[in-house]
Amino acid sequence: MRVEWAKARAQKERWNEEVELLREEMKRVMRSLKWEASEWQKRADEVRSDVDGTTAAGIRAYALRNVYLHTEFIVRFREEWDKTMGAAVRHWAAEEEREILEGTFMAEGM
């Protein structure tokens, strides 16, 4: 019984660490995308006096397109992560539970 408890405890600790790593990675991705969108917005807002009007309009359109793309990435990543995070955790937990029940589970470091 103690061995099973130790294995379950080790599994719980691994999952806690994995969840924390994933959350931190998600935060960093979101911060990066927000920063990129902000940088592209600055480029779009710049008044270019060194190029003709048509070229300046094209540069602005390109920058605004990148603002849109980075903003869409933020929205879509958030939607997907909200859906998949819970499903992924349930899948991995079920897989390890099956291994424990079958007696094939090996806790790391044991």
C-alpha atoms as a PDB file:
ATOM      1  CA  MET A   1       0.000   0.000   0.000  1.00  0.00           C
ATOM      2  CA  ARG A   2       2.855   2.403   0.805  1.00  0.00           C
ATOM      3  CA  VAL A   3       4.466   1.750  -2.573  1.00  0.00           C
ATOM      4  CA  GLU A   4       1.233   2.607  -4.376  1.00  0.00           C
ATOM      5  CA  TRP A   5       0.843   5.724  -2.258  1.00  0.00           C
ATOM      6  CA  ALA A   6       4.412   6.778  -3.061  1.00  0.00           C
ATOM      7  CA  LYS A   7       3.831   6.181  -6.771  1.00  0.00           C
ATOM      8  CA  ALA A   8       0.595   8.155  -6.690  1.00  0.00           C
ATOM      9  CA  ARG A   9       2.301  10.988  -4.821  1.00  0.00           C
ATOM     10  CA  ALA A  10       5.174  11.055  -7.326  1.00  0.00           C
ATOM     11  CA  GLN A  11       2.658  11.087 -10.173  1.00  0.00           C
ATOM     12  CA  LYS A  12       0.760  13.984  -8.593  1.00  0.00           C
ATOM     13  CA  GLU A  13       3.984  15.963  -8.133  1.00  0.00           C
ATOM     14  CA  ARG A  14       4.983  15.362 -11.769  1.00  0.00           C
ATOM     15  CA  TRP A  15       1.577  16.531 -12.949  1.00  0.00           C
ATOM     16  CA  ASN A  16       1.718  19.632 -10.786  1.00  0.00           C
ATOM     17  CA  GLU A  17       5.121  20.495 -12.226  1.00  0.00           C
ATOM     18  CA  GLU A  18       4.005  19.810 -15.801  1.00  0.00           C
ATOM     19  CA  VAL A  19       0.900  21.973 -15.397  1.00  0.00           C
ATOM     20  CA  GLU A  20       2.991  24.827 -13.990  1.00  0.00           C
ATOM     21  CA  LEU A  21       5.445  24.567 -16.893  1.00  0.00           C
ATOM     22  CA  LEU A  22       2.614  24.608 -19.434  1.00  0.00           C
ATOM     23  CA  ARG A  23       0.940  27.586 -17.799  1.00  0.00           C
ATOM     24  CA  GLU A  24       4.191  29.536 -17.770  1.00  0.00           C
ATOM     25  CA  GLU A  25       4.841  28.672 -21.403  1.00  0.00           C
ATOM     26  CA  MET A  26       1.334  29.814 -22.336  1.00  0.00           C
ATOM     27  CA  LYS A  27       1.837  33.117 -20.504  1.00  0.00           C
ATOM     28  CA  ARG A  28       5.099  33.708 -22.335  1.00  0.00           C
ATOM     29  CA  VAL A  29       3.539  32.956 -25.716  1.00  0.00           C
ATOM     30  CA  MET A  30       0.700  35.391 -24.999  1.00  0.00           C
ATOM     31  CA  ARG A  31       3.097  38.117 -23.819  1.00  0.00           C
ATOM     32  CA  SER A  32       5.214  37.620 -26.917  1.00  0.00           C
ATOM     33  CA  LEU A  33       2.229  37.824 -29.256  1.00  0.00           C
ATOM     34  CA  LYS A  34       0.943  40.970 -27.514  1.00  0.00           C
ATOM     35  CA  TRP A  35       4.379  42.560 -27.792  1.00  0.00           C
ATOM     36  CA  GLU A  36       4.598  41.665 -31.498  1.00  0.00           C
ATOM     37  CA  ALA A  37       1.136  43.134 -32.158  1.00  0.00           C
ATOM     38  CA  SER A  38       2.160  46.301 -30.308  1.00  0.00           C
ATOM     39  CA  GLU A  39       5.364  46.624 -32.335  1.00  0.00           C
ATOM     40  CA  TRP A  40       3.472  46.202 -35.609  1.00  0.00           C
ATOM     41  CA  GLN A  41       0.936  48.809 -34.460  1.00  0.00           C
ATOM     42  CA  LYS A  42       3.792  51.258 -33.816  1.00  0.00           C
ATOM     43  CA  ARG A  43       5.073  50.604 -37.329  1.00  0.00           C
ATOM     44  CA  ALA A  44       1.596  51.173 -38.768  1.00  0.00           C
ATOM     45  CA  ASP A  45       1.271  54.470 -36.879  1.00  0.00           C
ATOM     46  CA  GLU A  46       4.630  55.822 -38.071  1.00  0.00           C
ATOM     47  CA  VAL A  47       4.364  58.633 -40.584  1.00  0.00           C
ATOM     48  CA  ARG A  48       6.788  57.861 -43.399  1.00  0.00           C
ATOM     49  CA  SER A  49       8.134  60.957 -45.129  1.00  0.00           C
ATOM     50  CA  ASP A  50      10.922  59.128 -46.941  1.00  0.00           C
ATOM     51  CA  VAL A  51       8.588  57.246 -49.334  1.00  0.00           C
ATOM     52  CA  ASP A  52       5.751  58.226 -51.661  1.00  0.00           C
ATOM     53  CA  GLY A  53       2.121  57.992 -50.549  1.00  0.00           C
ATOM     54  CA  THR A  54       1.375  54.716 -52.316  1.00  0.00           C
ATOM     55  CA  THR A  55       4.375  52.969 -50.797  1.00  0.00           C
ATOM     56  CA  ALA A  56       3.568  54.404 -47.355  1.00  0.00           C
ATOM     57  CA  ALA A  57       0.005  53.096 -47.665  1.00  0.00           C
ATOM     58  CA  GLY A  58       1.336  49.660 -48.606  1.00  0.00           C
ATOM     59  CA  ILE A  59       3.737  49.636 -45.656  1.00  0.00           C
ATOM     60  CA  ARG A  60       0.889  50.658 -43.333  1.00  0.00           C
ATOM     61  CA  ALA A  61      -1.413  47.967 -44.750  1.00  0.00           C
ATOM     62  CA  TYR A  62       1.297  45.337 -44.255  1.00  0.00           C
ATOM     63  CA  ALA A  63       1.850  46.428 -40.655  1.00  0.00           C
ATOM     64  CA  LEU A  64      -1.890  46.452 -39.904  1.00  0.00           C
ATOM     65  CA  ARG A  65      -2.215  42.972 -41.382  1.00  0.00           C
ATOM     66  CA  ASN A  66       0.450  41.782 -38.946  1.00  0.00           C
ATOM     67  CA  VAL A  67      -1.361  43.463 -36.044  1.00  0.00           C
ATOM     68  CA  TYR A  68      -4.487  41.572 -37.066  1.00  0.00           C
ATOM     69  CA  LEU A  69      -2.648  38.239 -37.422  1.00  0.00           C
ATOM     70  CA  HIS A  70      -0.957  38.466 -34.027  1.00  0.00           C
ATOM     71  CA  THR A  71      -4.222  39.478 -32.374  1.00  0.00           C
ATOM     72  CA  GLU A  72      -5.986  36.531 -34.025  1.00  0.00           C
ATOM     73  CA  PHE A  73      -3.248  34.183 -32.792  1.00  0.00           C
ATOM     74  CA  ILE A  74      -3.914  35.403 -29.252  1.00  0.00           C
ATOM     75  CA  VAL A  75      -7.655  34.811 -29.559  1.00  0.00           C
ATOM     76  CA  ARG A  76      -7.336  31.405 -31.213  1.00  0.00           C
ATOM     77  CA  PHE A  77      -4.590  30.128 -28.910  1.00  0.00           C
ATOM     78  CA  ARG A  78      -6.677  31.117 -25.894  1.00  0.00           C
ATOM     79  CA  GLU A  79      -9.744  29.336 -27.314  1.00  0.00           C
ATOM     80  CA  GLU A  80      -7.801  26.175 -28.177  1.00  0.00           C
ATOM     81  CA  TRP A  81      -5.913  26.077 -24.910  1.00  0.00           C
ATOM     82  CA  ASP A  82      -9.126  26.462 -22.945  1.00  0.00           C
ATOM     83  CA  LYS A  83     -10.575  23.465 -24.796  1.00  0.00           C
ATOM     84  CA  THR A  84      -7.521  21.231 -24.916  1.00  0.00           C
ATOM     85  CA  MET A  85      -5.853  21.780 -21.551  1.00  0.00           C
ATOM     86  CA  GLY A  86      -8.534  19.936 -19.623  1.00  0.00           C
ATOM     87  CA  ALA A  87      -8.844  17.207 -22.239  1.00  0.00           C
ATOM     88  CA  ALA A  88      -5.077  16.639 -22.326  1.00  0.00           C
ATOM     89  CA  VAL A  89      -4.800  16.361 -18.561  1.00  0.00           C
ATOM     90  CA  ARG A  90      -7.704  13.908 -18.438  1.00  0.00           C
ATOM     91  CA  HIS A  91      -6.124  11.798 -21.208  1.00  0.00           C
ATOM     92  CA  TRP A  92      -2.691  11.603 -19.569  1.00  0.00           C
ATOM     93  CA  ALA A  93      -4.164  10.930 -16.136  1.00  0.00           C
ATOM     94  CA  ALA A  94      -6.327   8.122 -17.545  1.00  0.00           C
ATOM     95  CA  GLU A  95      -3.292   6.596 -19.271  1.00  0.00           C
ATOM     96  CA  GLU A  96      -1.245   6.579 -16.073  1.00  0.00           C
ATOM     97  CA  GLU A  97      -4.214   5.272 -14.083  1.00  0.00           C
ATOM     98  CA  ARG A  98      -4.533   2.395 -16.555  1.00  0.00           C
ATOM     99  CA  GLU A  99      -0.816   1.629 -16.185  1.00  0.00           C
ATOM    100  CA  ILE A 100      -1.119   1.644 -12.396  1.00  0.00           C
ATOM    101  CA  LEU A 101      -4.090  -0.719 -12.503  1.00  0.00           C
ATOM    102  CA  GLU A 102      -2.255  -3.044 -14.891  1.00  0.00           C
ATOM    103  CA  GLY A 103       0.869  -2.926 -12.750  1.00  0.00           C
ATOM    104  CA  THR A 104       3.017  -1.530 -15.572  1.00  0.00           C
ATOM    105  CA  PHE A 105       3.404   1.997 -14.180  1.00  0.00           C
ATOM    106  CA  MET A 106       6.908   2.994 -13.141  1.00  0.00           C
ATOM    107  CA  ALA A 107       7.250   6.225 -11.208  1.00  0.00           C
ATOM    108  CA  GLU A 108      10.280   8.260 -12.213  1.00  0.00           C
ATOM    109  CA  GLY A 109      13.202   7.767  -9.864  1.00  0.00           C
ATOM    110  CA  MET A 110      11.749   4.614  -8.313  1.00  0.00           C
END
